[in-house]
Structure formats: structure tokens, C-alpha cells
Amino acid sequence: MKPLALLGIILLVVGTATAETRESVGVGVRIIRDDGTIDPGRGFLYTKSDPSATGGIQGSIASPGLPIEQVLALPADEPRFVYKGKVTGSNRRSFLFEGLPMRKYDLIVIYKDRFYEGLRLHREPNTLTKEDRKKVKNIVNASEPYFKKKFIHRLEGTTGRGNTARAICTFVRDTSSAEGHREFRRTFKLLLFKDVGPGWQVTRARDLYPVSYEPGAPLPRHNYAAKLGGVRVTRSIKDLGEIKLTR
């Protein structure tokens, strides 16, 4: 086997993320957090487009007048799937998704200092109580100890045993490890919960945009934008035109 082909296979297995510990695997590196979990990175995080699908989404952001870092599309009924769009235009203010299967999608538009999302977190009216929110916050804070800080931006669901909820969050690691690594990490996450009786339980956690960042840098501000939700894709490219996310 050619060396470059072998390297490609190894990178496919181990990913491209950075974290606390680097473990040699053949000619590649597997990167492990200090809590034993593997950092997902972004190299192989996203769902592959369907080459047989002719549907897609395109549009441009009129405001804010900033270059887009990344744009994502998620089917509300299947949170396992996250499609990565192409950022286009000389000013990086337009985007294109191709090869999307027919269904409705919610979009996330990410900038350096902010992000906008139109996620449908829950199909039914939100009936979570103050006690539900407290229990969800506690279980979120206890999850994934690699990340030292967690911020719940939006949380919706149905109260009562056996019911479900979803949240869009930011997870942050802003401390050095025992080994002295200073690669601070943050990620946006979509979390799914279920009320199992005594409390809420995380049933799925989907990384959306894990990155390293410089210590002291402000976290991107969260914004909800309903116009980014419920985009129906059929057999052609859905053109959203110019979108204003700010007034």
C-alpha cells in the first residue's frame, strides 16, 4: 500500500482533533482527552451529502455584514445528521448545500464572535417547569468533565416522566491539563434528554463545531433566528435569497 494511502486510512480512524494526550498509532496520532474520551475534531464530524440527491439550500446573509466561518444544516427529526455547507462568495457571506435528502432542515450560521441558529428543539409546546430546568442544568454540568464550563442557551421540552427535551449549548475548557497543554477548546452541542423518573438523563450529545481558541478570547454570542428554521428541501436547490439576521 502506498504511504499516502496508508496515512489517509489512519487519519480516517483517529480523526484530526487536538486535546490533552497524543498517542502514536502507526504513522498517525490518536488524541485523547484527560477524562478518557476522544475529541471528535471536525475532520470527520459531519454527515456526507447524498450524491444521488438533487436537493439543497443556498442563500446569502445581508446582515450581519461579516464573513461566515461555517454553516450547518440539521434535520429536526434526525439529530444524528449534521450537514456542512460551503461558504461562498469573495466576502464569505453566501452559502450552499448540495446533495441534501428531501426533508426539512434547520440552519446554524457561525461567525467568529457569534452564531445564529433556527433549531426546532421540540415539536410540542414547551412545558418544562422551573424544577425541570434545574435538574437539566445539573445533569449538563455533571456531564463531560473534560469541559469545565457549560452554557445552556435554549432548552425546550415536555414535563413529566418519560418525556423528552432538547437544548443548544456551548461547552468550554478554559484550563490547562496536568501535562501542561494549553490548547483551550470549545464546542457547540445539541443535547437530547429524557425524564427517567428521578431526574433527567442525557440520551444523546451531538458536537456541532469543536475548535481550539486563545485563552481570554470572548465566547461567541448565541442568537436564535426563527427564519433559519424549517427549510423544506425537495428535488432542487432551495434559494433563500438575502437573509437579515440583525436589524
Protein backbone atom coordinates (compact mmCIF):
# COMPACT_ATOMS: atom_id res chain seq x y z
CA MET A 1 0.00 0.00 0.00
CA LYS A 2 1.32 3.47 -0.84
CA PRO A 3 2.42 5.59 2.18
CA LEU A 4 -0.08 8.39 1.44
CA ALA A 5 -2.97 5.93 1.20
CA LEU A 6 -1.94 4.35 4.50
CA LEU A 7 -1.79 7.77 6.15
CA GLY A 8 -5.28 8.59 4.86
CA ILE A 9 -6.72 5.41 6.38
CA ILE A 10 -5.10 6.09 9.75
CA LEU A 11 -6.35 9.69 9.83
CA LEU A 12 -9.85 8.45 8.98
CA VAL A 13 -9.77 6.17 12.00
CA VAL A 14 -8.30 8.61 14.54
CA GLY A 15 -9.74 11.95 13.35
CA THR A 16 -7.97 15.29 13.34
CA ALA A 17 -8.84 16.86 16.70
CA THR A 18 -6.50 18.28 19.31
CA ALA A 19 -6.83 17.61 23.02
CA GLU A 20 -4.79 16.58 26.02
CA THR A 21 -2.89 13.38 25.17
CA ARG A 22 -1.39 12.26 21.86
CA GLU A 23 -0.96 8.56 21.37
CA SER A 24 1.02 7.21 18.41
CA VAL A 25 -0.89 4.75 16.22
CA GLY A 26 1.25 3.56 13.33
CA VAL A 27 2.18 6.75 11.48
CA GLY A 28 -0.84 8.65 12.84
CA VAL A 29 -1.89 10.10 16.17
CA ARG A 30 -4.96 9.38 18.29
CA ILE A 31 -5.80 12.31 20.55
CA ILE A 32 -7.37 11.53 23.91
CA ARG A 33 -8.84 13.91 26.47
CA ASP A 34 -7.70 13.61 30.06
CA ASP A 35 -11.07 12.10 31.01
CA GLY A 36 -10.50 9.20 28.60
CA THR A 37 -12.84 10.37 25.82
CA ILE A 38 -11.66 11.09 22.27
CA ASP A 39 -12.04 14.63 20.98
CA PRO A 40 -14.16 14.49 17.78
CA GLY A 41 -12.49 17.36 15.92
CA ARG A 42 -14.23 18.50 12.73
CA GLY A 43 -12.48 16.46 10.05
CA PHE A 44 -14.98 13.59 10.08
CA LEU A 45 -17.71 15.04 12.29
CA TYR A 46 -20.27 15.88 9.62
CA THR A 47 -22.69 13.78 7.60
CA LYS A 48 -21.74 13.08 3.99
CA SER A 49 -24.06 14.51 1.37
CA ASP A 50 -26.03 12.09 -0.80
CA PRO A 51 -24.63 12.09 -4.37
CA SER A 52 -27.97 10.82 -5.69
CA ALA A 53 -29.94 13.69 -4.07
CA THR A 54 -30.55 16.78 -6.20
CA GLY A 55 -31.89 18.97 -3.39
CA GLY A 56 -30.03 21.63 -1.50
CA ILE A 57 -30.11 25.10 0.03
CA GLN A 58 -28.44 28.33 -0.94
CA GLY A 59 -28.58 31.88 0.34
CA SER A 60 -26.63 34.90 1.48
CA ILE A 61 -26.53 36.83 4.74
CA ALA A 62 -27.23 40.55 4.26
CA SER A 63 -26.69 41.33 7.94
CA PRO A 64 -24.53 40.98 9.88
CA GLY A 65 -22.03 42.04 7.23
CA LEU A 66 -19.37 39.63 8.45
CA PRO A 67 -17.56 36.67 6.89
CA ILE A 68 -19.17 33.34 7.75
CA GLU A 69 -16.91 30.77 9.39
CA GLN A 70 -19.24 27.79 8.99
CA VAL A 71 -22.84 26.97 8.12
CA LEU A 72 -24.61 23.75 9.13
CA ALA A 73 -27.95 22.10 8.30
CA LEU A 74 -29.71 19.67 10.67
CA PRO A 75 -32.91 17.70 10.05
CA ALA A 76 -35.13 18.42 13.04
CA ASP A 77 -36.40 14.83 13.07
CA GLU A 78 -32.93 13.22 12.95
CA PRO A 79 -30.32 14.98 15.12
CA ARG A 80 -27.65 12.41 14.29
CA PHE A 81 -27.25 14.06 10.90
CA VAL A 82 -25.36 17.36 10.57
CA TYR A 83 -24.51 18.58 7.07
CA LYS A 84 -21.71 21.04 6.44
CA GLY A 85 -22.34 23.70 3.80
CA LYS A 86 -19.91 25.52 1.55
CA VAL A 87 -19.18 29.15 2.39
CA THR A 88 -19.08 31.01 -0.94
CA GLY A 89 -18.53 34.47 -2.37
CA SER A 90 -15.42 36.65 -2.23
CA ASN A 91 -16.70 38.17 1.02
CA ARG A 92 -17.70 34.78 2.51
CA ARG A 93 -21.27 35.91 3.12
CA SER A 94 -23.05 33.30 0.98
CA PHE A 95 -23.52 29.56 1.40
CA LEU A 96 -24.53 26.44 -0.50
CA PHE A 97 -25.65 22.95 0.48
CA GLU A 98 -25.85 20.25 -2.20
CA GLY A 99 -26.85 16.60 -2.06
CA LEU A 100 -29.43 17.00 0.71
CA PRO A 101 -32.13 14.32 1.02
CA MET A 102 -35.73 15.54 0.91
CA ARG A 103 -36.87 16.76 4.35
CA LYS A 104 -36.99 19.92 6.48
CA TYR A 105 -33.75 21.43 7.77
CA ASP A 106 -32.76 23.91 10.46
CA LEU A 107 -29.65 26.02 9.85
CA ILE A 108 -26.81 27.25 12.05
CA VAL A 109 -24.67 30.15 10.82
CA ILE A 110 -21.40 30.59 12.70
CA TYR A 111 -19.24 33.70 12.84
CA LYS A 112 -16.06 34.41 14.77
CA ASP A 113 -17.83 36.32 17.56
CA ARG A 114 -21.43 35.00 17.36
CA PHE A 115 -23.67 32.29 15.98
CA TYR A 116 -27.29 32.15 14.85
CA GLU A 117 -29.48 29.05 14.98
CA GLY A 118 -33.01 28.22 13.95
CA LEU A 119 -33.29 24.81 15.60
CA ARG A 120 -36.70 23.33 16.33
CA LEU A 121 -35.88 21.91 19.72
CA HIS A 122 -39.33 20.49 20.45
CA ARG A 123 -42.38 19.77 18.32
CA GLU A 124 -44.93 20.34 21.11
CA PRO A 125 -45.39 23.46 23.28
CA ASN A 126 -42.62 23.88 25.83
CA THR A 127 -43.98 22.86 29.26
CA LEU A 128 -40.75 22.42 31.23
CA THR A 129 -41.04 23.61 34.81
CA LYS A 130 -38.52 25.52 36.89
CA GLU A 131 -37.65 22.24 38.61
CA ASP A 132 -37.14 20.50 35.24
CA ARG A 133 -34.74 23.24 34.17
CA LYS A 134 -32.82 22.98 37.42
CA LYS A 135 -32.42 19.21 37.05
CA VAL A 136 -31.38 19.53 33.39
CA LYS A 137 -28.81 22.16 34.29
CA ASN A 138 -27.39 19.90 37.00
CA ILE A 139 -27.05 16.92 34.66
CA VAL A 140 -25.46 19.08 31.97
CA ASN A 141 -22.91 20.47 34.43
CA ALA A 142 -22.08 16.94 35.58
CA SER A 143 -21.56 15.64 32.03
CA GLU A 144 -18.27 15.53 30.12
CA PRO A 145 -15.87 16.65 32.87
CA TYR A 146 -13.24 17.49 30.25
CA PHE A 147 -15.22 20.70 29.67
CA LYS A 148 -15.14 22.87 32.78
CA LYS A 149 -17.94 25.28 31.86
CA LYS A 150 -21.31 24.67 30.19
CA PHE A 151 -23.83 27.23 28.99
CA ILE A 152 -27.41 26.30 28.08
CA HIS A 153 -28.63 28.83 25.50
CA ARG A 154 -32.08 27.38 24.79
CA LEU A 155 -33.95 24.46 26.35
CA GLU A 156 -37.39 23.14 25.37
CA GLY A 157 -39.35 20.01 26.15
CA THR A 158 -42.35 18.39 27.82
CA THR A 159 -42.51 17.95 31.57
CA GLY A 160 -43.29 14.53 33.05
CA ARG A 161 -41.72 11.11 33.35
CA GLY A 162 -40.86 9.51 30.01
CA ASN A 163 -40.95 12.79 28.12
CA THR A 164 -38.09 14.43 26.25
CA ALA A 165 -36.30 17.74 25.84
CA ARG A 166 -33.51 19.29 23.76
CA ALA A 167 -31.00 22.08 24.33
CA ILE A 168 -28.41 24.01 22.35
CA CYS A 169 -25.32 24.60 24.48
CA THR A 170 -21.73 25.78 24.50
CA PHE A 171 -19.16 23.61 26.29
CA VAL A 172 -15.82 25.19 27.21
CA ARG A 173 -12.48 24.00 28.51
CA ASP A 174 -10.52 27.02 29.74
CA THR A 175 -7.88 25.44 31.96
CA SER A 176 -4.59 23.70 31.29
CA SER A 177 -4.18 19.98 31.85
CA ALA A 178 -1.91 18.26 34.34
CA GLU A 179 0.50 17.71 31.45
CA GLY A 180 0.65 21.46 30.82
CA HIS A 181 -1.21 21.54 27.49
CA ARG A 182 -2.78 24.95 26.82
CA GLU A 183 -4.97 24.07 23.84
CA PHE A 184 -8.21 25.53 25.14
CA ARG A 185 -11.30 24.00 23.50
CA ARG A 186 -14.94 24.90 22.98
CA THR A 187 -17.82 23.34 21.09
CA PHE A 188 -21.46 23.97 20.39
CA LYS A 189 -23.57 20.94 21.27
CA LEU A 190 -27.10 19.74 20.66
CA LEU A 191 -28.18 17.73 23.71
CA LEU A 192 -31.17 15.39 23.92
CA PHE A 193 -32.70 14.47 27.28
CA LYS A 194 -35.27 12.08 28.70
CA ASP A 195 -37.05 12.27 32.05
CA VAL A 196 -36.37 8.86 33.61
CA GLY A 197 -38.28 9.48 36.84
CA PRO A 198 -35.79 10.60 39.47
CA GLY A 199 -34.46 13.18 37.05
CA TRP A 200 -33.37 13.95 33.51
CA GLN A 201 -30.77 11.96 31.60
CA VAL A 202 -28.67 12.90 28.57
CA THR A 203 -29.59 10.41 25.83
CA ARG A 204 -27.53 11.93 23.01
CA ALA A 205 -24.90 14.65 22.68
CA ARG A 206 -24.06 15.91 19.18
CA ASP A 207 -20.96 18.05 18.69
CA LEU A 208 -21.56 20.82 16.17
CA TYR A 209 -18.41 22.96 15.95
CA PRO A 210 -15.44 21.94 18.14
CA VAL A 211 -12.47 24.33 17.91
CA SER A 212 -9.39 25.47 19.79
CA TYR A 213 -9.30 29.08 20.92
CA GLU A 214 -6.91 31.54 22.51
CA PRO A 215 -7.11 31.95 26.30
CA GLY A 216 -9.07 35.07 27.20
CA ALA A 217 -10.94 35.25 23.89
CA PRO A 218 -14.67 36.01 24.36
CA LEU A 219 -17.12 33.23 23.62
CA PRO A 220 -19.33 33.58 20.51
CA ARG A 221 -22.70 35.11 21.41
CA HIS A 222 -25.77 32.95 20.88
CA ASN A 223 -28.72 34.23 18.84
CA TYR A 224 -31.96 32.48 17.93
CA ALA A 225 -33.27 33.26 14.42
CA ALA A 226 -36.61 31.64 13.53
CA LYS A 227 -36.07 32.39 9.83
CA LEU A 228 -33.26 29.81 9.80
CA GLY A 229 -35.64 27.00 10.76
CA GLY A 230 -37.92 24.68 8.84
CA VAL A 231 -36.36 24.99 5.37
CA ARG A 232 -38.06 22.41 3.17
CA VAL A 233 -35.82 20.72 0.60
CA THR A 234 -37.27 18.76 -2.33
CA ARG A 235 -35.53 17.85 -5.59
CA SER A 236 -33.98 21.24 -6.35
CA ILE A 237 -31.84 23.89 -4.70
CA LYS A 238 -33.96 25.98 -2.34
CA ASP A 239 -32.90 29.64 -2.72
CA LEU A 240 -33.41 31.62 0.49
CA GLY A 241 -32.23 34.87 -1.09
CA GLU A 242 -30.77 37.54 1.19
CA ILE A 243 -31.31 36.91 4.89
CA LYS A 244 -31.20 39.62 7.53
CA LEU A 245 -30.30 38.18 10.92
CA THR A 246 -29.86 41.57 12.58
CA ARG A 247 -31.98 44.73 12.49
